[in-house]
Amino acid sequence: MMRAKADKAGRDLRFDYVPIDSYEKRALCECGGELQSCGGRLRTNPALYLHRCKGCDKRYQLDTIYPRVIHRERKI
């Protein structure tokens, strides 16, 4: 654990280093191809993001952008 200087209110802050694992989550099409974000977004609530299959060019509207990186605390 690491100690930092006091903040503006005079409180001491502490930082904890936790080991993590990182994963890339990919969305796959029915044909087996990987979906790639087109960069477009629909102004719906919740927002939908436009994706295209690299294999068959089919278009999808997903609720998050893929591929994405996920961080999880490592189980020791």
PDB file of N, CA and C in Angstrom:
ATOM      1  N   MET A   1       0.848  -1.170   0.000  1.00  0.00           N
ATOM      2  CA  MET A   1       0.000   0.000   0.000  1.00  0.00           C
ATOM      3  C   MET A   1       0.894   1.232   0.000  1.00  0.00           C
ATOM      4  N   MET A   2       0.417   2.288  -0.635  1.00  0.00           N
ATOM      5  CA  MET A   2       1.203   3.495  -0.795  1.00  0.00           C
ATOM      6  C   MET A   2       0.468   4.679  -0.177  1.00  0.00           C
ATOM      7  N   ARG A   3       1.185   5.531   0.490  1.00  0.00           N
ATOM      8  CA  ARG A   3       0.577   6.734   1.075  1.00  0.00           C
ATOM      9  C   ARG A   3       0.873   7.923   0.179  1.00  0.00           C
ATOM     10  N   ALA A   4      -0.073   8.817   0.095  1.00  0.00           N
ATOM     11  CA  ALA A   4       0.089  10.029  -0.701  1.00  0.00           C
ATOM     12  C   ALA A   4       0.032  11.235   0.225  1.00  0.00           C
ATOM     13  N   LYS A   5       0.383  12.375  -0.311  1.00  0.00           N
ATOM     14  CA  LYS A   5       0.294  13.609   0.458  1.00  0.00           C
ATOM     15  C   LYS A   5      -1.166  13.900   0.785  1.00  0.00           C
ATOM     16  N   ALA A   6      -1.366  14.719   1.777  1.00  0.00           N
ATOM     17  CA  ALA A   6      -2.725  15.078   2.182  1.00  0.00           C
ATOM     18  C   ALA A   6      -3.414  15.861   1.073  1.00  0.00           C
ATOM     19  N   ASP A   7      -4.722  15.660   0.937  1.00  0.00           N
ATOM     20  CA  ASP A   7      -5.491  16.427  -0.040  1.00  0.00           C
ATOM     21  C   ASP A   7      -5.810  17.806   0.537  1.00  0.00           C
ATOM     22  N   LYS A   8      -6.593  18.601  -0.168  1.00  0.00           N
ATOM     23  CA  LYS A   8      -6.898  19.972   0.247  1.00  0.00           C
ATOM     24  C   LYS A   8      -7.587  20.025   1.604  1.00  0.00           C
ATOM     25  N   ALA A   9      -8.331  19.000   1.959  1.00  0.00           N
ATOM     26  CA  ALA A   9      -9.032  18.984   3.244  1.00  0.00           C
ATOM     27  C   ALA A   9      -8.133  18.450   4.364  1.00  0.00           C
ATOM     28  N   GLY A  10      -6.893  18.101   4.039  1.00  0.00           N
ATOM     29  CA  GLY A  10      -5.970  17.628   5.051  1.00  0.00           C
ATOM     30  C   GLY A  10      -6.049  16.136   5.325  1.00  0.00           C
ATOM     31  N   ARG A  11      -6.820  15.403   4.529  1.00  0.00           N
ATOM     32  CA  ARG A  11      -6.944  13.954   4.735  1.00  0.00           C
ATOM     33  C   ARG A  11      -5.810  13.242   4.012  1.00  0.00           C
ATOM     34  N   ASP A  12      -5.313  12.177   4.643  1.00  0.00           N
ATOM     35  CA  ASP A  12      -4.316  11.339   3.977  1.00  0.00           C
ATOM     36  C   ASP A  12      -5.028  10.372   3.044  1.00  0.00           C
ATOM     37  N   LEU A  13      -4.476  10.207   1.869  1.00  0.00           N
ATOM     38  CA  LEU A  13      -5.042   9.275   0.895  1.00  0.00           C
ATOM     39  C   LEU A  13      -4.183   8.028   0.856  1.00  0.00           C
ATOM     40  N   ARG A  14      -4.815   6.901   0.571  1.00  0.00           N
ATOM     41  CA  ARG A  14      -4.094   5.641   0.412  1.00  0.00           C
ATOM     42  C   ARG A  14      -4.436   5.053  -0.948  1.00  0.00           C
ATOM     43  N   PHE A  15      -3.479   4.363  -1.510  1.00  0.00           N
ATOM     44  CA  PHE A  15      -3.680   3.690  -2.786  1.00  0.00           C
ATOM     45  C   PHE A  15      -3.332   2.229  -2.609  1.00  0.00           C
ATOM     46  N   ASP A  16      -4.119   1.383  -3.191  1.00  0.00           N
ATOM     47  CA  ASP A  16      -3.907  -0.049  -3.114  1.00  0.00           C
ATOM     48  C   ASP A  16      -3.695  -0.572  -4.525  1.00  0.00           C
ATOM     49  N   TYR A  17      -2.677  -1.379  -4.724  1.00  0.00           N
ATOM     50  CA  TYR A  17      -2.422  -1.980  -6.024  1.00  0.00           C
ATOM     51  C   TYR A  17      -3.007  -3.387  -6.034  1.00  0.00           C
ATOM     52  N   VAL A  18      -3.871  -3.637  -6.980  1.00  0.00           N
ATOM     53  CA  VAL A  18      -4.562  -4.922  -7.080  1.00  0.00           C
ATOM     54  C   VAL A  18      -4.191  -5.560  -8.418  1.00  0.00           C
ATOM     55  N   PRO A  19      -3.724  -6.800  -8.412  1.00  0.00           N
ATOM     56  CA  PRO A  19      -3.426  -7.461  -9.687  1.00  0.00           C
ATOM     57  C   PRO A  19      -4.716  -7.723 -10.478  1.00  0.00           C
ATOM     58  N   ILE A  20      -4.644  -7.481 -11.776  1.00  0.00           N
ATOM     59  CA  ILE A  20      -5.818  -7.678 -12.628  1.00  0.00           C
ATOM     60  C   ILE A  20      -5.453  -8.528 -13.840  1.00  0.00           C
ATOM     61  N   ASP A  21      -6.465  -9.074 -14.450  1.00  0.00           N
ATOM     62  CA  ASP A  21      -6.343  -9.746 -15.737  1.00  0.00           C
ATOM     63  C   ASP A  21      -7.145  -8.935 -16.742  1.00  0.00           C
ATOM     64  N   SER A  22      -6.617  -8.783 -17.940  1.00  0.00           N
ATOM     65  CA  SER A  22      -7.318  -8.057 -19.005  1.00  0.00           C
ATOM     66  C   SER A  22      -7.733  -9.031 -20.093  1.00  0.00           C
ATOM     67  N   TYR A  23      -8.943  -8.838 -20.608  1.00  0.00           N
ATOM     68  CA  TYR A  23      -9.490  -9.686 -21.662  1.00  0.00           C
ATOM     69  C   TYR A  23     -10.055  -8.811 -22.760  1.00  0.00           C
ATOM     70  N   GLU A  24      -9.987  -9.279 -23.994  1.00  0.00           N
ATOM     71  CA  GLU A  24     -10.670  -8.603 -25.086  1.00  0.00           C
ATOM     72  C   GLU A  24     -11.939  -9.391 -25.393  1.00  0.00           C
ATOM     73  N   LYS A  25     -13.074  -8.708 -25.325  1.00  0.00           N
ATOM     74  CA  LYS A  25     -14.366  -9.333 -25.615  1.00  0.00           C
ATOM     75  C   LYS A  25     -14.754  -8.949 -27.040  1.00  0.00           C
ATOM     76  N   ARG A  26     -15.014  -9.961 -27.853  1.00  0.00           N
ATOM     77  CA  ARG A  26     -15.377  -9.736 -29.259  1.00  0.00           C
ATOM     78  C   ARG A  26     -16.793 -10.223 -29.509  1.00  0.00           C
ATOM     79  N   ALA A  27     -17.512  -9.525 -30.345  1.00  0.00           N
ATOM     80  CA  ALA A  27     -18.846  -9.950 -30.770  1.00  0.00           C
ATOM     81  C   ALA A  27     -18.694 -10.691 -32.096  1.00  0.00           C
ATOM     82  N   LEU A  28     -19.385 -11.820 -32.217  1.00  0.00           N
ATOM     83  CA  LEU A  28     -19.277 -12.636 -33.425  1.00  0.00           C
ATOM     84  C   LEU A  28     -20.610 -12.726 -34.140  1.00  0.00           C
ATOM     85  N   CYS A  29     -20.550 -12.702 -35.452  1.00  0.00           N
ATOM     86  CA  CYS A  29     -21.722 -12.817 -36.324  1.00  0.00           C
ATOM     87  C   CYS A  29     -22.163 -14.278 -36.405  1.00  0.00           C
ATOM     88  N   GLU A  30     -23.359 -14.487 -36.939  1.00  0.00           N
ATOM     89  CA  GLU A  30     -23.866 -15.841 -37.171  1.00  0.00           C
ATOM     90  C   GLU A  30     -22.950 -16.629 -38.102  1.00  0.00           C
ATOM     91  N   CYS A  31     -22.268 -15.934 -39.018  1.00  0.00           N
ATOM     92  CA  CYS A  31     -21.377 -16.607 -39.975  1.00  0.00           C
ATOM     93  C   CYS A  31     -20.027 -16.947 -39.346  1.00  0.00           C
ATOM     94  N   GLY A  32     -19.775 -16.457 -38.133  1.00  0.00           N
ATOM     95  CA  GLY A  32     -18.503 -16.705 -37.457  1.00  0.00           C
ATOM     96  C   GLY A  32     -17.519 -15.564 -37.579  1.00  0.00           C
ATOM     97  N   GLY A  33     -17.854 -14.557 -38.400  1.00  0.00           N
ATOM     98  CA  GLY A  33     -16.978 -13.397 -38.557  1.00  0.00           C
ATOM     99  C   GLY A  33     -17.054 -12.475 -37.345  1.00  0.00           C
ATOM    100  N   GLU A  34     -16.012 -11.695 -37.158  1.00  0.00           N
ATOM    101  CA  GLU A  34     -15.960 -10.766 -36.030  1.00  0.00           C
ATOM    102  C   GLU A  34     -16.667  -9.454 -36.397  1.00  0.00           C
ATOM    103  N   LEU A  35     -17.432  -8.917 -35.435  1.00  0.00           N
ATOM    104  CA  LEU A  35     -18.076  -7.624 -35.642  1.00  0.00           C
ATOM    105  C   LEU A  35     -17.104  -6.516 -35.286  1.00  0.00           C
ATOM    106  N   GLN A  36     -17.112  -5.478 -36.113  1.00  0.00           N
ATOM    107  CA  GLN A  36     -16.248  -4.326 -35.913  1.00  0.00           C
ATOM    108  C   GLN A  36     -17.115  -3.080 -35.867  1.00  0.00           C
ATOM    109  N   SER A  37     -16.823  -2.188 -34.931  1.00  0.00           N
ATOM    110  CA  SER A  37     -17.577  -0.943 -34.821  1.00  0.00           C
ATOM    111  C   SER A  37     -17.376  -0.099 -36.073  1.00  0.00           C
ATOM    112  N   CYS A  38     -18.472   0.487 -36.569  1.00  0.00           N
ATOM    113  CA  CYS A  38     -18.409   1.384 -37.729  1.00  0.00           C
ATOM    114  C   CYS A  38     -18.174   2.830 -37.302  1.00  0.00           C
ATOM    115  N   GLY A  39     -18.241   3.079 -35.987  1.00  0.00           N
ATOM    116  CA  GLY A  39     -18.060   4.435 -35.490  1.00  0.00           C
ATOM    117  C   GLY A  39     -19.353   5.219 -35.384  1.00  0.00           C
ATOM    118  N   GLY A  40     -20.469   4.676 -35.869  1.00  0.00           N
ATOM    119  CA  GLY A  40     -21.742   5.375 -35.809  1.00  0.00           C
ATOM    120  C   GLY A  40     -22.520   5.044 -34.546  1.00  0.00           C
ATOM    121  N   ARG A  41     -23.408   5.952 -34.167  1.00  0.00           N
ATOM    122  CA  ARG A  41     -24.237   5.766 -32.976  1.00  0.00           C
ATOM    123  C   ARG A  41     -25.638   6.274 -33.255  1.00  0.00           C
ATOM    124  N   LEU A  42     -26.633   5.499 -32.825  1.00  0.00           N
ATOM    125  CA  LEU A  42     -28.011   5.940 -32.939  1.00  0.00           C
ATOM    126  C   LEU A  42     -28.389   6.692 -31.672  1.00  0.00           C
ATOM    127  N   ARG A  43     -29.092   7.786 -31.810  1.00  0.00           N
ATOM    128  CA  ARG A  43     -29.467   8.605 -30.660  1.00  0.00           C
ATOM    129  C   ARG A  43     -30.739   8.073 -30.020  1.00  0.00           C
ATOM    130  N   THR A  44     -30.642   6.863 -29.517  1.00  0.00           N
ATOM    131  CA  THR A  44     -31.755   6.231 -28.820  1.00  0.00           C
ATOM    132  C   THR A  44     -31.418   6.186 -27.333  1.00  0.00           C
ATOM    133  N   ASN A  45     -32.361   5.781 -26.530  1.00  0.00           N
ATOM    134  CA  ASN A  45     -32.113   5.642 -25.108  1.00  0.00           C
ATOM    135  C   ASN A  45     -32.460   4.221 -24.695  1.00  0.00           C
ATOM    136  N   PRO A  46     -31.515   3.350 -24.414  1.00  0.00           N
ATOM    137  CA  PRO A  46     -30.072   3.591 -24.415  1.00  0.00           C
ATOM    138  C   PRO A  46     -29.507   3.667 -25.824  1.00  0.00           C
ATOM    139  N   ALA A  47     -28.323   4.243 -25.934  1.00  0.00           N
ATOM    140  CA  ALA A  47     -27.672   4.411 -27.241  1.00  0.00           C
ATOM    141  C   ALA A  47     -27.383   3.055 -27.885  1.00  0.00           C
ATOM    142  N   LEU A  48     -27.440   3.005 -29.207  1.00  0.00           N
ATOM    143  CA  LEU A  48     -27.076   1.809 -29.962  1.00  0.00           C
ATOM    144  C   LEU A  48     -25.916   2.166 -30.885  1.00  0.00           C
ATOM    145  N   TYR A  49     -24.947   1.257 -30.986  1.00  0.00           N
ATOM    146  CA  TYR A  49     -23.744   1.496 -31.773  1.00  0.00           C
ATOM    147  C   TYR A  49     -23.739   0.588 -32.998  1.00  0.00           C
ATOM    148  N   LEU A  50     -23.365   1.140 -34.130  1.00  0.00           N
ATOM    149  CA  LEU A  50     -23.392   0.418 -35.405  1.00  0.00           C
ATOM    150  C   LEU A  50     -22.136  -0.432 -35.572  1.00  0.00           C
ATOM    151  N   HIS A  51     -22.345  -1.683 -35.987  1.00  0.00           N
ATOM    152  CA  HIS A  51     -21.258  -2.625 -36.209  1.00  0.00           C
ATOM    153  C   HIS A  51     -21.463  -3.321 -37.547  1.00  0.00           C
ATOM    154  N   ARG A  52     -20.351  -3.815 -38.113  1.00  0.00           N
ATOM    155  CA  ARG A  52     -20.385  -4.533 -39.385  1.00  0.00           C
ATOM    156  C   ARG A  52     -19.551  -5.804 -39.243  1.00  0.00           C
ATOM    157  N   CYS A  53     -20.055  -6.889 -39.797  1.00  0.00           N
ATOM    158  CA  CYS A  53     -19.330  -8.155 -39.785  1.00  0.00           C
ATOM    159  C   CYS A  53     -18.197  -8.102 -40.807  1.00  0.00           C
ATOM    160  N   LYS A  54     -17.008  -8.515 -40.387  1.00  0.00           N
ATOM    161  CA  LYS A  54     -15.858  -8.539 -41.299  1.00  0.00           C
ATOM    162  C   LYS A  54     -15.983  -9.657 -42.327  1.00  0.00           C
ATOM    163  N   GLY A  55     -16.783 -10.687 -42.010  1.00  0.00           N
ATOM    164  CA  GLY A  55     -16.899 -11.844 -42.905  1.00  0.00           C
ATOM    165  C   GLY A  55     -17.957 -11.671 -43.983  1.00  0.00           C
ATOM    166  N   CYS A  56     -19.195 -11.314 -43.571  1.00  0.00           N
ATOM    167  CA  CYS A  56     -20.307 -11.287 -44.534  1.00  0.00           C
ATOM    168  C   CYS A  56     -20.895  -9.880 -44.748  1.00  0.00           C
ATOM    169  N   ASP A  57     -20.361  -8.873 -44.063  1.00  0.00           N
ATOM    170  CA  ASP A  57     -20.781  -7.482 -44.207  1.00  0.00           C
ATOM    171  C   ASP A  57     -22.183  -7.197 -43.645  1.00  0.00           C
ATOM    172  N   LYS A  58     -22.728  -8.126 -42.860  1.00  0.00           N
ATOM    173  CA  LYS A  58     -24.031  -7.903 -42.243  1.00  0.00           C
ATOM    174  C   LYS A  58     -23.904  -6.794 -41.194  1.00  0.00           C
ATOM    175  N   ARG A  59     -24.960  -5.982 -41.048  1.00  0.00           N
ATOM    176  CA  ARG A  59     -24.948  -4.841 -40.122  1.00  0.00           C
ATOM    177  C   ARG A  59     -25.706  -5.176 -38.841  1.00  0.00           C
ATOM    178  N   TYR A  60     -25.200  -4.661 -37.715  1.00  0.00           N
ATOM    179  CA  TYR A  60     -25.814  -4.876 -36.404  1.00  0.00           C
ATOM    180  C   TYR A  60     -25.884  -3.563 -35.638  1.00  0.00           C
ATOM    181  N   GLN A  61     -26.834  -3.475 -34.705  1.00  0.00           N
ATOM    182  CA  GLN A  61     -26.950  -2.365 -33.764  1.00  0.00           C
ATOM    183  C   GLN A  61     -26.829  -2.970 -32.365  1.00  0.00           C
ATOM    184  N   LEU A  62     -25.742  -2.629 -31.656  1.00  0.00           N
ATOM    185  CA  LEU A  62     -25.464  -3.220 -30.350  1.00  0.00           C
ATOM    186  C   LEU A  62     -25.434  -2.135 -29.277  1.00  0.00           C
ATOM    187  N   ASP A  63     -25.649  -2.557 -28.030  1.00  0.00           N
ATOM    188  CA  ASP A  63     -25.728  -1.587 -26.938  1.00  0.00           C
ATOM    189  C   ASP A  63     -24.369  -1.171 -26.374  1.00  0.00           C
ATOM    190  N   THR A  64     -23.280  -1.718 -26.906  1.00  0.00           N
ATOM    191  CA  THR A  64     -21.933  -1.311 -26.510  1.00  0.00           C
ATOM    192  C   THR A  64     -21.003  -1.472 -27.708  1.00  0.00           C
ATOM    193  N   ILE A  65     -19.829  -0.896 -27.623  1.00  0.00           N
ATOM    194  CA  ILE A  65     -18.877  -0.937 -28.733  1.00  0.00           C
ATOM    195  C   ILE A  65     -17.975  -2.160 -28.581  1.00  0.00           C
ATOM    196  N   TYR A  66     -17.845  -2.925 -29.658  1.00  0.00           N
ATOM    197  CA  TYR A  66     -16.973  -4.095 -29.694  1.00  0.00           C
ATOM    198  C   TYR A  66     -15.933  -3.917 -30.774  1.00  0.00           C
ATOM    199  N   PRO A  67     -14.730  -4.496 -30.630  1.00  0.00           N
ATOM    200  CA  PRO A  67     -14.270  -5.235 -29.466  1.00  0.00           C
ATOM    201  C   PRO A  67     -14.029  -4.290 -28.291  1.00  0.00           C
ATOM    202  N   ARG A  68     -14.043  -4.840 -27.087  1.00  0.00           N
ATOM    203  CA  ARG A  68     -13.820  -4.046 -25.876  1.00  0.00           C
ATOM    204  C   ARG A  68     -12.898  -4.794 -24.934  1.00  0.00           C
ATOM    205  N   VAL A  69     -12.197  -4.045 -24.112  1.00  0.00           N
ATOM    206  CA  VAL A  69     -11.270  -4.640 -23.148  1.00  0.00           C
ATOM    207  C   VAL A  69     -11.946  -4.642 -21.779  1.00  0.00           C
ATOM    208  N   ILE A  70     -11.891  -5.782 -21.113  1.00  0.00           N
ATOM    209  CA  ILE A  70     -12.485  -5.954 -19.801  1.00  0.00           C
ATOM    210  C   ILE A  70     -11.365  -6.246 -18.810  1.00  0.00           C
ATOM    211  N   HIS A  71     -11.402  -5.558 -17.680  1.00  0.00           N
ATOM    212  CA  HIS A  71     -10.418  -5.780 -16.615  1.00  0.00           C
ATOM    213  C   HIS A  71     -11.134  -6.421 -15.435  1.00  0.00           C
ATOM    214  N   ARG A  72     -10.548  -7.484 -14.908  1.00  0.00           N
ATOM    215  CA  ARG A  72     -11.106  -8.167 -13.737  1.00  0.00           C
ATOM    216  C   ARG A  72     -10.010  -8.376 -12.711  1.00  0.00           C
ATOM    217  N   GLU A  73     -10.402  -8.264 -11.450  1.00  0.00           N
ATOM    218  CA  GLU A  73      -9.437  -8.513 -10.382  1.00  0.00           C
ATOM    219  C   GLU A  73      -9.004  -9.972 -10.428  1.00  0.00           C
ATOM    220  N   ARG A  74      -7.702 -10.182 -10.352  1.00  0.00           N
ATOM    221  CA  ARG A  74      -7.164 -11.529 -10.414  1.00  0.00           C
ATOM    222  C   ARG A  74      -7.458 -12.275  -9.127  1.00  0.00           C
ATOM    223  N   LYS A  75      -7.953 -13.496  -9.254  1.00  0.00           N
ATOM    224  CA  LYS A  75      -8.219 -14.343  -8.090  1.00  0.00           C
ATOM    225  C   LYS A  75      -6.922 -15.039  -7.705  1.00  0.00           C
ATOM    226  N   ILE A  76      -6.559 -14.861  -6.472  1.00  0.00           N
ATOM    227  CA  ILE A  76      -5.283 -15.418  -6.012  1.00  0.00           C
ATOM    228  C   ILE A  76      -5.522 -16.735  -5.295  1.00  0.00           C
TER     229      ILE A  76
END
